[in-house]
Each structure stands twice: as C-alpha cells, then as structure tokens.
PDB file of all heavy atoms in Angstrom:
ATOM      1  N   ARG A   1     -18.368 -23.519   9.781  1.00  0.00           N
ATOM      2  CA  ARG A   1     -17.217 -24.466   9.729  1.00  0.00           C
ATOM      3  C   ARG A   1     -17.676 -25.888   9.390  1.00  0.00           C
ATOM      4  O   ARG A   1     -16.952 -26.669   8.713  1.00  0.00           O
ATOM      5  CB  ARG A   1     -16.476 -24.546  11.060  1.00  0.00           C
ATOM      6  CG  ARG A   1     -15.962 -23.177  11.479  1.00  0.00           C
ATOM      7  CD  ARG A   1     -15.091 -23.323  12.760  1.00  0.00           C
ATOM      8  NE  ARG A   1     -15.817 -23.757  13.887  1.00  0.00           N
ATOM      9  CZ  ARG A   1     -15.503 -24.927  14.542  1.00  0.00           C
ATOM     10  NH1 ARG A   1     -14.488 -25.680  14.142  1.00  0.00           N
ATOM     11  NH2 ARG A   1     -16.222 -25.251  15.605  1.00  0.00           N
ATOM     12  N   PHE A   2     -18.822 -26.292   9.858  1.00  0.00           N
ATOM     13  CA  PHE A   2     -19.302 -27.639   9.600  1.00  0.00           C
ATOM     14  C   PHE A   2     -20.531 -27.591   8.630  1.00  0.00           C
ATOM     15  O   PHE A   2     -21.221 -26.654   8.561  1.00  0.00           O
ATOM     16  CB  PHE A   2     -19.847 -28.333  10.930  1.00  0.00           C
ATOM     17  CG  PHE A   2     -18.759 -28.634  11.902  1.00  0.00           C
ATOM     18  CD1 PHE A   2     -17.492 -28.151  11.806  1.00  0.00           C
ATOM     19  CD2 PHE A   2     -19.057 -29.418  13.039  1.00  0.00           C
ATOM     20  CE1 PHE A   2     -16.526 -28.484  12.766  1.00  0.00           C
ATOM     21  CE2 PHE A   2     -18.165 -29.758  13.973  1.00  0.00           C
ATOM     22  CZ  PHE A   2     -16.858 -29.294  13.788  1.00  0.00           C
ATOM     23  N   ALA A   3     -20.701 -28.718   7.954  1.00  0.00           N
ATOM     24  CA  ALA A   3     -21.886 -28.820   7.074  1.00  0.00           C
ATOM     25  C   ALA A   3     -22.381 -30.253   7.194  1.00  0.00           C
ATOM     26  O   ALA A   3     -21.594 -31.206   7.198  1.00  0.00           O
ATOM     27  CB  ALA A   3     -21.489 -28.534   5.628  1.00  0.00           C
ATOM     28  N   ILE A   4     -23.719 -30.408   7.250  1.00  0.00           N
ATOM     29  CA  ILE A   4     -24.326 -31.679   7.224  1.00  0.00           C
ATOM     30  C   ILE A   4     -25.047 -31.955   5.900  1.00  0.00           C
ATOM     31  O   ILE A   4     -25.600 -30.980   5.335  1.00  0.00           O
ATOM     32  CB  ILE A   4     -25.308 -31.850   8.400  1.00  0.00           C
ATOM     33  CG1 ILE A   4     -25.826 -33.259   8.548  1.00  0.00           C
ATOM     34  CG2 ILE A   4     -26.513 -30.896   8.292  1.00  0.00           C
ATOM     35  CD1 ILE A   4     -26.592 -33.563   9.821  1.00  0.00           C
ATOM     36  N   SER A   5     -24.943 -33.181   5.413  1.00  0.00           N
ATOM     37  CA  SER A   5     -25.551 -33.503   4.161  1.00  0.00           C
ATOM     38  C   SER A   5     -26.053 -34.935   4.217  1.00  0.00           C
ATOM     39  O   SER A   5     -25.590 -35.715   4.992  1.00  0.00           O
ATOM     40  CB  SER A   5     -24.616 -33.265   2.985  1.00  0.00           C
ATOM     41  OG  SER A   5     -23.431 -34.140   3.079  1.00  0.00           O
ATOM     42  N   ARG A   6     -26.873 -35.290   3.227  1.00  0.00           N
ATOM     43  CA  ARG A   6     -27.396 -36.659   3.148  1.00  0.00           C
ATOM     44  C   ARG A   6     -26.875 -37.266   1.878  1.00  0.00           C
ATOM     45  O   ARG A   6     -26.773 -36.593   0.886  1.00  0.00           O
ATOM     46  CB  ARG A   6     -28.937 -36.653   3.190  1.00  0.00           C
ATOM     47  CG  ARG A   6     -29.554 -37.990   3.230  1.00  0.00           C
ATOM     48  CD  ARG A   6     -31.084 -37.855   3.495  1.00  0.00           C
ATOM     49  NE  ARG A   6     -31.738 -37.054   2.467  1.00  0.00           N
ATOM     50  CZ  ARG A   6     -33.029 -36.669   2.550  1.00  0.00           C
ATOM     51  NH1 ARG A   6     -33.708 -36.825   3.636  1.00  0.00           N
ATOM     52  NH2 ARG A   6     -33.576 -36.020   1.543  1.00  0.00           N
ATOM     53  N   GLY A   7     -26.592 -38.538   1.936  1.00  0.00           N
ATOM     54  CA  GLY A   7     -26.153 -39.253   0.800  1.00  0.00           C
ATOM     55  C   GLY A   7     -27.315 -39.530  -0.215  1.00  0.00           C
ATOM     56  O   GLY A   7     -28.484 -39.157   0.093  1.00  0.00           O
ATOM     57  N   ASN A   8     -27.037 -40.171  -1.336  1.00  0.00           N
ATOM     58  CA  ASN A   8     -28.099 -40.453  -2.271  1.00  0.00           C
ATOM     59  C   ASN A   8     -29.110 -41.383  -1.633  1.00  0.00           C
ATOM     60  O   ASN A   8     -30.381 -41.310  -2.018  1.00  0.00           O
ATOM     61  CB  ASN A   8     -27.446 -41.154  -3.533  1.00  0.00           C
ATOM     62  CG  ASN A   8     -26.637 -40.154  -4.364  1.00  0.00           C
ATOM     63  OD1 ASN A   8     -26.921 -38.970  -4.340  1.00  0.00           O
ATOM     64  ND2 ASN A   8     -25.642 -40.683  -4.994  1.00  0.00           N
ATOM     65  N   ALA A   9     -28.711 -42.243  -0.740  1.00  0.00           N
ATOM     66  CA  ALA A   9     -29.577 -43.078   0.006  1.00  0.00           C
ATOM     67  C   ALA A   9     -30.060 -42.329   1.238  1.00  0.00           C
ATOM     68  O   ALA A   9     -29.233 -41.636   1.914  1.00  0.00           O
ATOM     69  CB  ALA A   9     -28.931 -44.407   0.405  1.00  0.00           C
ATOM     70  N   GLU A  10     -31.313 -42.425   1.592  1.00  0.00           N
ATOM     71  CA  GLU A  10     -31.896 -41.747   2.651  1.00  0.00           C
ATOM     72  C   GLU A  10     -31.266 -42.113   4.026  1.00  0.00           C
ATOM     73  O   GLU A  10     -31.309 -41.332   4.931  1.00  0.00           O
ATOM     74  CB  GLU A  10     -33.424 -41.944   2.719  1.00  0.00           C
ATOM     75  CG  GLU A  10     -34.186 -41.260   3.866  1.00  0.00           C
ATOM     76  CD  GLU A  10     -35.592 -41.625   3.859  1.00  0.00           C
ATOM     77  OE1 GLU A  10     -35.915 -42.607   4.562  1.00  0.00           O
ATOM     78  OE2 GLU A  10     -36.388 -41.006   3.231  1.00  0.00           O
ATOM     79  N   ASN A  11     -30.620 -43.256   4.054  1.00  0.00           N
ATOM     80  CA  ASN A  11     -30.085 -43.811   5.369  1.00  0.00           C
ATOM     81  C   ASN A  11     -28.673 -43.421   5.631  1.00  0.00           C
ATOM     82  O   ASN A  11     -28.063 -43.970   6.531  1.00  0.00           O
ATOM     83  CB  ASN A  11     -30.241 -45.316   5.363  1.00  0.00           C
ATOM     84  CG  ASN A  11     -29.367 -45.996   4.353  1.00  0.00           C
ATOM     85  OD1 ASN A  11     -29.089 -45.429   3.279  1.00  0.00           O
ATOM     86  ND2 ASN A  11     -28.911 -47.175   4.625  1.00  0.00           N
ATOM     87  N   THR A  12     -28.193 -42.468   4.876  1.00  0.00           N
ATOM     88  CA  THR A  12     -26.750 -42.031   5.094  1.00  0.00           C
ATOM     89  C   THR A  12     -26.699 -40.499   5.360  1.00  0.00           C
ATOM     90  O   THR A  12     -27.314 -39.812   4.594  1.00  0.00           O
ATOM     91  CB  THR A  12     -25.921 -42.418   3.868  1.00  0.00           C
ATOM     92  OG1 THR A  12     -26.054 -43.811   3.618  1.00  0.00           O
ATOM     93  CG2 THR A  12     -24.480 -42.051   4.115  1.00  0.00           C
ATOM     94  N   VAL A  13     -25.895 -40.125   6.273  1.00  0.00           N
ATOM     95  CA  VAL A  13     -25.708 -38.713   6.527  1.00  0.00           C
ATOM     96  C   VAL A  13     -24.232 -38.473   6.816  1.00  0.00           C
ATOM     97  O   VAL A  13     -23.508 -39.319   7.327  1.00  0.00           O
ATOM     98  CB  VAL A  13     -26.536 -38.243   7.731  1.00  0.00           C
ATOM     99  CG1 VAL A  13     -26.055 -38.850   9.062  1.00  0.00           C
ATOM    100  CG2 VAL A  13     -26.584 -36.748   7.829  1.00  0.00           C
ATOM    101  N   TYR A  14     -23.823 -37.290   6.355  1.00  0.00           N
ATOM    102  CA  TYR A  14     -22.411 -36.959   6.500  1.00  0.00           C
ATOM    103  C   TYR A  14     -22.243 -35.665   7.313  1.00  0.00           C
ATOM    104  O   TYR A  14     -23.118 -34.800   7.304  1.00  0.00           O
ATOM    105  CB  TYR A  14     -21.732 -36.702   5.110  1.00  0.00           C
ATOM    106  CG  TYR A  14     -21.873 -37.883   4.162  1.00  0.00           C
ATOM    107  CD1 TYR A  14     -22.842 -37.882   3.166  1.00  0.00           C
ATOM    108  CD2 TYR A  14     -21.011 -38.928   4.265  1.00  0.00           C
ATOM    109  CE1 TYR A  14     -22.906 -38.955   2.314  1.00  0.00           C
ATOM    110  CE2 TYR A  14     -21.095 -40.032   3.429  1.00  0.00           C
ATOM    111  CZ  TYR A  14     -22.065 -39.966   2.447  1.00  0.00           C
ATOM    112  OH  TYR A  14     -22.176 -41.079   1.621  1.00  0.00           O
ATOM    113  N   LEU A  15     -21.108 -35.521   7.982  1.00  0.00           N
ATOM    114  CA  LEU A  15     -20.773 -34.283   8.620  1.00  0.00           C
ATOM    115  C   LEU A  15     -19.414 -33.862   8.136  1.00  0.00           C
ATOM    116  O   LEU A  15     -18.358 -34.508   8.484  1.00  0.00           O
ATOM    117  CB  LEU A  15     -20.770 -34.425  10.168  1.00  0.00           C
ATOM    118  CG  LEU A  15     -20.522 -33.164  11.005  1.00  0.00           C
ATOM    119  CD1 LEU A  15     -21.740 -32.193  10.795  1.00  0.00           C
ATOM    120  CD2 LEU A  15     -20.329 -33.442  12.434  1.00  0.00           C
ATOM    121  N   GLN A  16     -19.343 -32.812   7.374  1.00  0.00           N
ATOM    122  CA  GLN A  16     -18.039 -32.247   6.903  1.00  0.00           C
ATOM    123  C   GLN A  16     -17.577 -31.197   7.948  1.00  0.00           C
ATOM    124  O   GLN A  16     -18.300 -30.202   8.146  1.00  0.00           O
ATOM    125  CB  GLN A  16     -18.237 -31.637   5.502  1.00  0.00           C
ATOM    126  CG  GLN A  16     -16.975 -30.990   4.954  1.00  0.00           C
ATOM    127  CD  GLN A  16     -15.948 -31.977   4.709  1.00  0.00           C
ATOM    128  OE1 GLN A  16     -16.146 -33.038   4.112  1.00  0.00           O
ATOM    129  NE2 GLN A  16     -14.659 -31.659   5.021  1.00  0.00           N
ATOM    130  N   MET A  17     -16.421 -31.432   8.452  1.00  0.00           N
ATOM    131  CA  MET A  17     -15.914 -30.516   9.503  1.00  0.00           C
ATOM    132  C   MET A  17     -14.676 -29.852   9.009  1.00  0.00           C
ATOM    133  O   MET A  17     -13.690 -30.546   8.741  1.00  0.00           O
ATOM    134  CB  MET A  17     -15.627 -31.327  10.778  1.00  0.00           C
ATOM    135  CG  MET A  17     -16.852 -32.118  11.314  1.00  0.00           C
ATOM    136  SD  MET A  17     -16.513 -32.913  12.879  1.00  0.00           S
ATOM    137  CE  MET A  17     -15.318 -34.140  12.374  1.00  0.00           C
ATOM    138  N   ASN A  18     -14.723 -28.552   8.874  1.00  0.00           N
ATOM    139  CA  ASN A  18     -13.573 -27.755   8.404  1.00  0.00           C
ATOM    140  C   ASN A  18     -13.115 -26.800   9.468  1.00  0.00           C
ATOM    141  O   ASN A  18     -13.876 -26.557  10.438  1.00  0.00           O
ATOM    142  CB  ASN A  18     -13.942 -27.009   7.127  1.00  0.00           C
ATOM    143  CG  ASN A  18     -14.398 -27.910   6.003  1.00  0.00           C
ATOM    144  OD1 ASN A  18     -13.868 -28.970   5.775  1.00  0.00           O
ATOM    145  ND2 ASN A  18     -15.413 -27.373   5.249  1.00  0.00           N
ATOM    146  N   SER A  19     -11.928 -26.275   9.314  1.00  0.00           N
ATOM    147  CA  SER A  19     -11.344 -25.339  10.303  1.00  0.00           C
ATOM    148  C   SER A  19     -11.525 -25.842  11.704  1.00  0.00           C
ATOM    149  O   SER A  19     -11.992 -25.151  12.591  1.00  0.00           O
ATOM    150  CB  SER A  19     -12.080 -23.978  10.135  1.00  0.00           C
ATOM    151  OG  SER A  19     -11.925 -23.480   8.832  1.00  0.00           O
ATOM    152  N   LEU A  20     -11.142 -27.054  11.891  1.00  0.00           N
ATOM    153  CA  LEU A  20     -11.308 -27.665  13.181  1.00  0.00           C
ATOM    154  C   LEU A  20     -10.493 -27.020  14.247  1.00  0.00           C
ATOM    155  O   LEU A  20      -9.383 -26.518  14.037  1.00  0.00           O
ATOM    156  CB  LEU A  20     -10.966 -29.142  13.112  1.00  0.00           C
ATOM    157  CG  LEU A  20     -12.090 -29.991  12.473  1.00  0.00           C
ATOM    158  CD1 LEU A  20     -11.507 -31.338  12.025  1.00  0.00           C
ATOM    159  CD2 LEU A  20     -13.203 -30.213  13.471  1.00  0.00           C
ATOM    160  N   LYS A  21     -11.023 -26.984  15.486  1.00  0.00           N
ATOM    161  CA  LYS A  21     -10.439 -26.342  16.606  1.00  0.00           C
ATOM    162  C   LYS A  21     -10.199 -27.422  17.723  1.00  0.00           C
ATOM    163  O   LYS A  21     -10.893 -28.380  17.760  1.00  0.00           O
ATOM    164  CB  LYS A  21     -11.281 -25.224  17.166  1.00  0.00           C
ATOM    165  CG  LYS A  21     -11.662 -24.167  16.126  1.00  0.00           C
ATOM    166  CD  LYS A  21     -12.591 -23.184  16.797  1.00  0.00           C
ATOM    167  CE  LYS A  21     -13.026 -22.060  15.766  1.00  0.00           C
ATOM    168  NZ  LYS A  21     -13.940 -21.105  16.371  1.00  0.00           N
ATOM    169  N   PRO A  22      -9.202 -27.175  18.570  1.00  0.00           N
ATOM    170  CA  PRO A  22      -9.039 -28.107  19.765  1.00  0.00           C
ATOM    171  C   PRO A  22     -10.296 -28.342  20.513  1.00  0.00           C
ATOM    172  O   PRO A  22     -10.543 -29.445  21.011  1.00  0.00           O
ATOM    173  CB  PRO A  22      -7.917 -27.465  20.569  1.00  0.00           C
ATOM    174  CG  PRO A  22      -7.128 -26.715  19.548  1.00  0.00           C
ATOM    175  CD  PRO A  22      -8.134 -26.137  18.627  1.00  0.00           C
ATOM    176  N   GLU A  23     -11.117 -27.347  20.596  1.00  0.00           N
ATOM    177  CA  GLU A  23     -12.397 -27.520  21.405  1.00  0.00           C
ATOM    178  C   GLU A  23     -13.441 -28.287  20.674  1.00  0.00           C
ATOM    179  O   GLU A  23     -14.484 -28.651  21.241  1.00  0.00           O
ATOM    180  CB  GLU A  23     -12.969 -26.120  21.761  1.00  0.00           C
ATOM    181  CG  GLU A  23     -13.080 -25.166  20.610  1.00  0.00           C
ATOM    182  CD  GLU A  23     -11.952 -24.163  20.486  1.00  0.00           C
ATOM    183  OE1 GLU A  23     -10.762 -24.602  20.633  1.00  0.00           O
ATOM    184  OE2 GLU A  23     -12.220 -22.945  20.232  1.00  0.00           O
ATOM    185  N   ASP A  24     -13.166 -28.715  19.447  1.00  0.00           N
ATOM    186  CA  ASP A  24     -14.025 -29.644  18.741  1.00  0.00           C
ATOM    187  C   ASP A  24     -13.737 -31.105  19.099  1.00  0.00           C
ATOM    188  O   ASP A  24     -14.461 -31.996  18.769  1.00  0.00           O
ATOM    189  CB  ASP A  24     -13.914 -29.517  17.233  1.00  0.00           C
ATOM    190  CG  ASP A  24     -14.386 -28.162  16.681  1.00  0.00           C
ATOM    191  OD1 ASP A  24     -15.411 -27.696  17.214  1.00  0.00           O
ATOM    192  OD2 ASP A  24     -13.708 -27.570  15.847  1.00  0.00           O
ATOM    193  N   THR A  25     -12.649 -31.318  19.867  1.00  0.00           N
ATOM    194  CA  THR A  25     -12.333 -32.662  20.324  1.00  0.00           C
ATOM    195  C   THR A  25     -13.447 -33.290  21.158  1.00  0.00           C
ATOM    196  O   THR A  25     -13.882 -32.700  22.112  1.00  0.00           O
ATOM    197  CB  THR A  25     -11.021 -32.578  21.098  1.00  0.00           C
ATOM    198  OG1 THR A  25      -9.971 -32.202  20.303  1.00  0.00           O
ATOM    199  CG2 THR A  25     -10.749 -34.011  21.726  1.00  0.00           C
ATOM    200  N   ALA A  26     -13.899 -34.473  20.714  1.00  0.00           N
ATOM    201  CA  ALA A  26     -15.051 -35.106  21.387  1.00  0.00           C
ATOM    202  C   ALA A  26     -15.298 -36.419  20.705  1.00  0.00           C
ATOM    203  O   ALA A  26     -14.686 -36.699  19.624  1.00  0.00           O
ATOM    204  CB  ALA A  26     -16.283 -34.238  21.294  1.00  0.00           C
ATOM    205  N   VAL A  27     -16.156 -37.213  21.334  1.00  0.00           N
ATOM    206  CA  VAL A  27     -16.701 -38.381  20.699  1.00  0.00           C
ATOM    207  C   VAL A  27     -17.996 -37.893  19.982  1.00  0.00           C
ATOM    208  O   VAL A  27     -18.820 -37.269  20.561  1.00  0.00           O
ATOM    209  CB  VAL A  27     -17.040 -39.451  21.663  1.00  0.00           C
ATOM    210  CG1 VAL A  27     -17.724 -40.670  20.964  1.00  0.00           C
ATOM    211  CG2 VAL A  27     -15.741 -39.954  22.371  1.00  0.00           C
ATOM    212  N   TYR A  28     -18.053 -38.203  18.663  1.00  0.00           N
ATOM    213  CA  TYR A  28     -19.149 -37.733  17.835  1.00  0.00           C
ATOM    214  C   TYR A  28     -20.158 -38.922  17.662  1.00  0.00           C
ATOM    215  O   TYR A  28     -19.686 -39.934  17.268  1.00  0.00           O
ATOM    216  CB  TYR A  28     -18.679 -37.139  16.488  1.00  0.00           C
ATOM    217  CG  TYR A  28     -18.084 -35.806  16.605  1.00  0.00           C
ATOM    218  CD1 TYR A  28     -16.912 -35.593  17.290  1.00  0.00           C
ATOM    219  CD2 TYR A  28     -18.779 -34.663  16.117  1.00  0.00           C
ATOM    220  CE1 TYR A  28     -16.329 -34.308  17.411  1.00  0.00           C
ATOM    221  CE2 TYR A  28     -18.260 -33.409  16.278  1.00  0.00           C
ATOM    222  CZ  TYR A  28     -17.044 -33.200  16.909  1.00  0.00           C
ATOM    223  OH  TYR A  28     -16.527 -32.014  17.044  1.00  0.00           O
ATOM    224  N   TYR A  29     -21.461 -38.623  17.996  1.00  0.00           N
ATOM    225  CA  TYR A  29     -22.415 -39.672  17.884  1.00  0.00           C
ATOM    226  C   TYR A  29     -23.474 -39.359  16.792  1.00  0.00           C
ATOM    227  O   TYR A  29     -23.975 -38.203  16.737  1.00  0.00           O
ATOM    228  CB  TYR A  29     -23.152 -39.823  19.206  1.00  0.00           C
ATOM    229  CG  TYR A  29     -22.300 -40.277  20.335  1.00  0.00           C
ATOM    230  CD1 TYR A  29     -21.696 -39.380  21.165  1.00  0.00           C
ATOM    231  CD2 TYR A  29     -22.124 -41.591  20.651  1.00  0.00           C
ATOM    232  CE1 TYR A  29     -20.910 -39.781  22.236  1.00  0.00           C
ATOM    233  CE2 TYR A  29     -21.383 -42.075  21.715  1.00  0.00           C
ATOM    234  CZ  TYR A  29     -20.733 -41.157  22.483  1.00  0.00           C
ATOM    235  OH  TYR A  29     -19.972 -41.550  23.585  1.00  0.00           O
ATOM    236  N   CYS A  30     -23.792 -40.361  16.004  1.00  0.00           N
ATOM    237  CA  CYS A  30     -24.845 -40.230  15.100  1.00  0.00           C
ATOM    238  C   CYS A  30     -26.161 -40.528  15.711  1.00  0.00           C
ATOM    239  O   CYS A  30     -26.199 -41.455  16.577  1.00  0.00           O
ATOM    240  CB  CYS A  30     -24.625 -41.249  13.940  1.00  0.00           C
ATOM    241  SG  CYS A  30     -25.904 -41.143  12.638  1.00  0.00           S
ATOM    242  N   GLN A  31     -27.231 -39.768  15.457  1.00  0.00           N
ATOM    243  CA  GLN A  31     -28.495 -39.997  16.006  1.00  0.00           C
ATOM    244  C   GLN A  31     -29.531 -39.967  14.903  1.00  0.00           C
ATOM    245  O   GLN A  31     -29.416 -39.189  13.943  1.00  0.00           O
ATOM    246  CB  GLN A  31     -28.815 -38.899  17.013  1.00  0.00           C
ATOM    247  CG  GLN A  31     -30.118 -38.995  17.750  1.00  0.00           C
ATOM    248  CD  GLN A  31     -31.244 -38.231  17.066  1.00  0.00           C
ATOM    249  OE1 GLN A  31     -31.029 -37.381  16.260  1.00  0.00           O
ATOM    250  NE2 GLN A  31     -32.474 -38.620  17.338  1.00  0.00           N
TER     251      GLN A  31
END
C-alpha cells in the first residue's frame, strides 16, 4: 500500500500512501 522513494536531491524522501485505512491514522515523523 505504501512506497518510499527519494527525490533527485539526496536530502528529500517521499512516502506515497495508497489504500489508506483508519488504522493508518497517526502523526507521521520523518527520521
């Protein structure tokens, strides 16, 4: 359901979240 990827710049990351469910509700933190 989710996919992580990096941008063209090394300092950027993305999280694509599909088919979201109520149990995905949360505060999301980048690390």
